[in-house]
């Protein structure tokens, strides 16, 4: 996220919405990291964190063109993140919310002409985003599993 934020800030045209979204996601993950660092024996992560991440990933999904943009990998990774962090009723409720949100966002993006959705800032599919999210998920998976045991 730090790399993504640096890329946002070094563009010719700095987009405030993009910087705010990436900064919010960075703070959310930074907060989780601080909690995990200080209390390595934590039992669960509050559902508010999952709800916040789902909303921020949904916003990111809209910013970069929805299903045809490059942030769809981030949204897919959000499902994996919720499965790693939660279990039981919390997981079911968060995954249900995330599924409903992605269906609504996809319907919205498919109805509105390409490039005219609210908060759209562009960007086509890129292999860099996919590789970044796969690497981040791998590292996060190992880290969360090591904290759990």
C-alpha atoms as a PDB file:
ATOM      1  CA  UNK A   1       0.000   0.000   0.000  1.00  0.00           C
ATOM      2  CA  UNK A   2       2.916   2.320   0.659  1.00  0.00           C
ATOM      3  CA  UNK A   3       4.168   1.654  -2.867  1.00  0.00           C
ATOM      4  CA  UNK A   4       0.694   2.300  -4.298  1.00  0.00           C
ATOM      5  CA  UNK A   5       0.468   5.558  -2.343  1.00  0.00           C
ATOM      6  CA  UNK A   6       3.892   6.663  -3.571  1.00  0.00           C
ATOM      7  CA  UNK A   7       2.816   5.914  -7.135  1.00  0.00           C
ATOM      8  CA  UNK A   8      -0.345   7.977  -6.563  1.00  0.00           C
ATOM      9  CA  UNK A   9       1.687  10.933  -5.310  1.00  0.00           C
ATOM     10  CA  UNK A  10       4.265  10.842  -8.126  1.00  0.00           C
ATOM     11  CA  UNK A  11       1.798  10.945 -11.010  1.00  0.00           C
ATOM     12  CA  UNK A  12       1.599  14.039 -13.203  1.00  0.00           C
ATOM     13  CA  UNK A  13      -1.974  14.595 -12.089  1.00  0.00           C
ATOM     14  CA  UNK A  14      -2.543  13.694  -8.443  1.00  0.00           C
ATOM     15  CA  UNK A  15      -6.112  12.457  -7.917  1.00  0.00           C
ATOM     16  CA  UNK A  16      -7.379  13.267  -4.441  1.00  0.00           C
ATOM     17  CA  UNK A  17      -9.945  10.438  -4.380  1.00  0.00           C
ATOM     18  CA  UNK A  18      -7.294   7.850  -5.270  1.00  0.00           C
ATOM     19  CA  UNK A  19      -4.882   9.164  -2.629  1.00  0.00           C
ATOM     20  CA  UNK A  20      -7.632   9.214   0.014  1.00  0.00           C
ATOM     21  CA  UNK A  21      -8.722   5.638  -0.775  1.00  0.00           C
ATOM     22  CA  UNK A  22      -5.180   4.258  -0.750  1.00  0.00           C
ATOM     23  CA  UNK A  23      -4.359   6.177   2.437  1.00  0.00           C
ATOM     24  CA  UNK A  24      -7.472   4.807   4.142  1.00  0.00           C
ATOM     25  CA  UNK A  25      -6.601   1.237   3.141  1.00  0.00           C
ATOM     26  CA  UNK A  26      -3.029   1.788   4.370  1.00  0.00           C
ATOM     27  CA  UNK A  27      -4.312   3.040   7.750  1.00  0.00           C
ATOM     28  CA  UNK A  28      -6.719   0.115   8.051  1.00  0.00           C
ATOM     29  CA  UNK A  29      -3.965  -2.430   7.421  1.00  0.00           C
ATOM     30  CA  UNK A  30      -1.528  -0.414   9.549  1.00  0.00           C
ATOM     31  CA  UNK A  31      -4.008  -0.514  12.423  1.00  0.00           C
ATOM     32  CA  UNK A  32      -4.398  -4.266  12.044  1.00  0.00           C
ATOM     33  CA  UNK A  33      -0.617  -4.654  11.966  1.00  0.00           C
ATOM     34  CA  UNK A  34      -0.239  -2.636  15.188  1.00  0.00           C
ATOM     35  CA  UNK A  35      -2.912  -4.735  16.925  1.00  0.00           C
ATOM     36  CA  UNK A  36      -1.247  -7.953  15.787  1.00  0.00           C
ATOM     37  CA  UNK A  37       2.223  -6.708  16.759  1.00  0.00           C
ATOM     38  CA  UNK A  38       1.211  -5.726  20.270  1.00  0.00           C
ATOM     39  CA  UNK A  39      -1.122  -8.641  20.965  1.00  0.00           C
ATOM     40  CA  UNK A  40       0.191 -11.607  19.025  1.00  0.00           C
ATOM     41  CA  UNK A  41      -2.233 -13.856  20.897  1.00  0.00           C
ATOM     42  CA  UNK A  42      -5.378 -12.029  19.776  1.00  0.00           C
ATOM     43  CA  UNK A  43      -8.479 -14.171  19.372  1.00  0.00           C
ATOM     44  CA  UNK A  44     -10.245 -12.211  16.643  1.00  0.00           C
ATOM     45  CA  UNK A  45     -10.311  -9.049  14.586  1.00  0.00           C
ATOM     46  CA  UNK A  46     -13.314  -6.792  15.133  1.00  0.00           C
ATOM     47  CA  UNK A  47     -15.901  -7.067  12.320  1.00  0.00           C
ATOM     48  CA  UNK A  48     -15.747  -3.277  11.849  1.00  0.00           C
ATOM     49  CA  UNK A  49     -12.324  -3.785  10.260  1.00  0.00           C
ATOM     50  CA  UNK A  50     -13.773  -6.261   7.750  1.00  0.00           C
ATOM     51  CA  UNK A  51     -16.693  -3.941   6.988  1.00  0.00           C
ATOM     52  CA  UNK A  52     -14.293  -1.005   6.450  1.00  0.00           C
ATOM     53  CA  UNK A  53     -12.026  -3.022   4.159  1.00  0.00           C
ATOM     54  CA  UNK A  54     -15.018  -4.205   2.104  1.00  0.00           C
ATOM     55  CA  UNK A  55     -16.236  -0.621   1.648  1.00  0.00           C
ATOM     56  CA  UNK A  56     -12.772   0.674   0.731  1.00  0.00           C
ATOM     57  CA  UNK A  57     -12.217  -2.150  -1.753  1.00  0.00           C
ATOM     58  CA  UNK A  58     -15.644  -1.412  -3.253  1.00  0.00           C
ATOM     59  CA  UNK A  59     -14.668   2.239  -3.674  1.00  0.00           C
ATOM     60  CA  UNK A  60     -11.379   1.162  -5.241  1.00  0.00           C
ATOM     61  CA  UNK A  61     -13.324  -1.164  -7.560  1.00  0.00           C
ATOM     62  CA  UNK A  62     -15.401   1.787  -8.824  1.00  0.00           C
ATOM     63  CA  UNK A  63     -12.388   4.082  -9.216  1.00  0.00           C
ATOM     64  CA  UNK A  64     -10.620   1.747 -11.604  1.00  0.00           C
ATOM     65  CA  UNK A  65     -13.417   0.686 -13.916  1.00  0.00           C
ATOM     66  CA  UNK A  66     -15.165  -2.119 -12.092  1.00  0.00           C
ATOM     67  CA  UNK A  67     -15.008  -5.586 -13.600  1.00  0.00           C
ATOM     68  CA  UNK A  68     -12.908  -4.401 -16.533  1.00  0.00           C
ATOM     69  CA  UNK A  69     -10.480  -2.391 -14.406  1.00  0.00           C
ATOM     70  CA  UNK A  70      -7.339  -3.478 -12.661  1.00  0.00           C
ATOM     71  CA  UNK A  71      -8.703  -3.307  -9.106  1.00  0.00           C
ATOM     72  CA  UNK A  72     -10.954  -6.338  -9.473  1.00  0.00           C
ATOM     73  CA  UNK A  73      -8.084  -8.465  -8.178  1.00  0.00           C
ATOM     74  CA  UNK A  74      -8.089  -6.390  -4.975  1.00  0.00           C
ATOM     75  CA  UNK A  75     -11.790  -7.024  -4.492  1.00  0.00           C
ATOM     76  CA  UNK A  76     -11.363 -10.753  -5.097  1.00  0.00           C
ATOM     77  CA  UNK A  77      -8.558 -10.737  -2.541  1.00  0.00           C
ATOM     78  CA  UNK A  78     -10.964  -9.148  -0.069  1.00  0.00           C
ATOM     79  CA  UNK A  79     -12.939 -12.412  -0.007  1.00  0.00           C
ATOM     80  CA  UNK A  80      -9.780 -14.297   0.848  1.00  0.00           C
ATOM     81  CA  UNK A  81      -8.890 -11.760   3.541  1.00  0.00           C
ATOM     82  CA  UNK A  82     -12.305 -12.104   5.195  1.00  0.00           C
ATOM     83  CA  UNK A  83     -11.987 -15.901   5.146  1.00  0.00           C
ATOM     84  CA  UNK A  84      -8.531 -15.676   6.752  1.00  0.00           C
ATOM     85  CA  UNK A  85      -9.558 -13.229   9.479  1.00  0.00           C
ATOM     86  CA  UNK A  86     -13.018 -14.401  10.479  1.00  0.00           C
ATOM     87  CA  UNK A  87     -15.019 -17.530  11.160  1.00  0.00           C
ATOM     88  CA  UNK A  88     -18.568 -18.474  12.017  1.00  0.00           C
ATOM     89  CA  UNK A  89     -21.358 -15.922  11.874  1.00  0.00           C
ATOM     90  CA  UNK A  90     -19.018 -12.935  11.433  1.00  0.00           C
ATOM     91  CA  UNK A  91     -17.472 -14.504   8.341  1.00  0.00           C
ATOM     92  CA  UNK A  92     -20.851 -15.430   6.851  1.00  0.00           C
ATOM     93  CA  UNK A  93     -22.258 -11.940   7.421  1.00  0.00           C
ATOM     94  CA  UNK A  94     -19.182 -10.158   6.046  1.00  0.00           C
ATOM     95  CA  UNK A  95     -18.955 -12.441   2.994  1.00  0.00           C
ATOM     96  CA  UNK A  96     -22.679 -11.955   2.367  1.00  0.00           C
ATOM     97  CA  UNK A  97     -22.275  -8.179   2.566  1.00  0.00           C
ATOM     98  CA  UNK A  98     -19.245  -8.325   0.270  1.00  0.00           C
ATOM     99  CA  UNK A  99     -21.080 -10.536  -2.248  1.00  0.00           C
ATOM    100  CA  UNK A 100     -24.129  -8.265  -2.302  1.00  0.00           C
ATOM    101  CA  UNK A 101     -21.908  -5.202  -2.702  1.00  0.00           C
ATOM    102  CA  UNK A 102     -19.962  -6.689  -5.625  1.00  0.00           C
ATOM    103  CA  UNK A 103     -23.208  -7.679  -7.364  1.00  0.00           C
ATOM    104  CA  UNK A 104     -24.596  -4.145  -6.924  1.00  0.00           C
ATOM    105  CA  UNK A 105     -21.342  -2.521  -8.059  1.00  0.00           C
ATOM    106  CA  UNK A 106     -21.145  -4.819 -11.094  1.00  0.00           C
ATOM    107  CA  UNK A 107     -24.737  -4.005 -12.037  1.00  0.00           C
ATOM    108  CA  UNK A 108     -23.985  -0.296 -11.653  1.00  0.00           C
ATOM    109  CA  UNK A 109     -20.823  -0.503 -13.764  1.00  0.00           C
ATOM    110  CA  UNK A 110     -22.605  -2.528 -16.472  1.00  0.00           C
ATOM    111  CA  UNK A 111     -25.493  -0.016 -16.736  1.00  0.00           C
ATOM    112  CA  UNK A 112     -23.431   3.181 -16.761  1.00  0.00           C
ATOM    113  CA  UNK A 113     -21.361   3.797 -19.938  1.00  0.00           C
ATOM    114  CA  UNK A 114     -17.659   2.916 -19.628  1.00  0.00           C
ATOM    115  CA  UNK A 115     -15.610   5.621 -17.975  1.00  0.00           C
ATOM    116  CA  UNK A 116     -18.607   7.557 -16.646  1.00  0.00           C
ATOM    117  CA  UNK A 117     -19.158   5.865 -13.290  1.00  0.00           C
ATOM    118  CA  UNK A 118     -18.887   7.984 -10.171  1.00  0.00           C
ATOM    119  CA  UNK A 119     -15.312   8.408  -8.959  1.00  0.00           C
ATOM    120  CA  UNK A 120     -13.909   6.751 -12.130  1.00  0.00           C
ATOM    121  CA  UNK A 121     -10.249   7.649 -12.520  1.00  0.00           C
ATOM    122  CA  UNK A 122      -9.283   5.186 -15.220  1.00  0.00           C
ATOM    123  CA  UNK A 123      -6.871   2.379 -15.609  1.00  0.00           C
ATOM    124  CA  UNK A 124      -6.973  -0.789 -17.647  1.00  0.00           C
ATOM    125  CA  UNK A 125      -6.163  -4.306 -16.532  1.00  0.00           C
ATOM    126  CA  UNK A 126      -2.544  -4.624 -15.519  1.00  0.00           C
ATOM    127  CA  UNK A 127      -0.383  -7.597 -14.659  1.00  0.00           C
ATOM    128  CA  UNK A 128       1.412  -5.566 -11.978  1.00  0.00           C
ATOM    129  CA  UNK A 129      -1.725  -5.264  -9.867  1.00  0.00           C
ATOM    130  CA  UNK A 130      -2.399  -8.976 -10.153  1.00  0.00           C
ATOM    131  CA  UNK A 131       1.164  -9.905  -9.174  1.00  0.00           C
ATOM    132  CA  UNK A 132       1.091  -7.431  -6.282  1.00  0.00           C
ATOM    133  CA  UNK A 133      -2.115  -8.841  -4.808  1.00  0.00           C
ATOM    134  CA  UNK A 134      -0.995 -12.474  -5.215  1.00  0.00           C
ATOM    135  CA  UNK A 135       2.294 -11.677  -3.457  1.00  0.00           C
ATOM    136  CA  UNK A 136       0.540  -9.690  -0.718  1.00  0.00           C
ATOM    137  CA  UNK A 137      -1.976 -12.495  -0.145  1.00  0.00           C
ATOM    138  CA  UNK A 138       0.783 -15.071   0.094  1.00  0.00           C
ATOM    139  CA  UNK A 139       2.701 -13.052   2.667  1.00  0.00           C
ATOM    140  CA  UNK A 140      -0.473 -12.180   4.608  1.00  0.00           C
ATOM    141  CA  UNK A 141      -1.580 -15.823   4.630  1.00  0.00           C
ATOM    142  CA  UNK A 142       1.681 -17.060   6.082  1.00  0.00           C
ATOM    143  CA  UNK A 143       1.806 -14.195   8.577  1.00  0.00           C
ATOM    144  CA  UNK A 144      -1.750 -14.694   9.842  1.00  0.00           C
ATOM    145  CA  UNK A 145      -1.278 -18.444  10.131  1.00  0.00           C
ATOM    146  CA  UNK A 146       1.970 -17.991  12.076  1.00  0.00           C
ATOM    147  CA  UNK A 147       0.242 -15.554  14.462  1.00  0.00           C
ATOM    148  CA  UNK A 148      -2.662 -17.995  14.901  1.00  0.00           C
ATOM    149  CA  UNK A 149      -0.451 -20.904  16.016  1.00  0.00           C
END
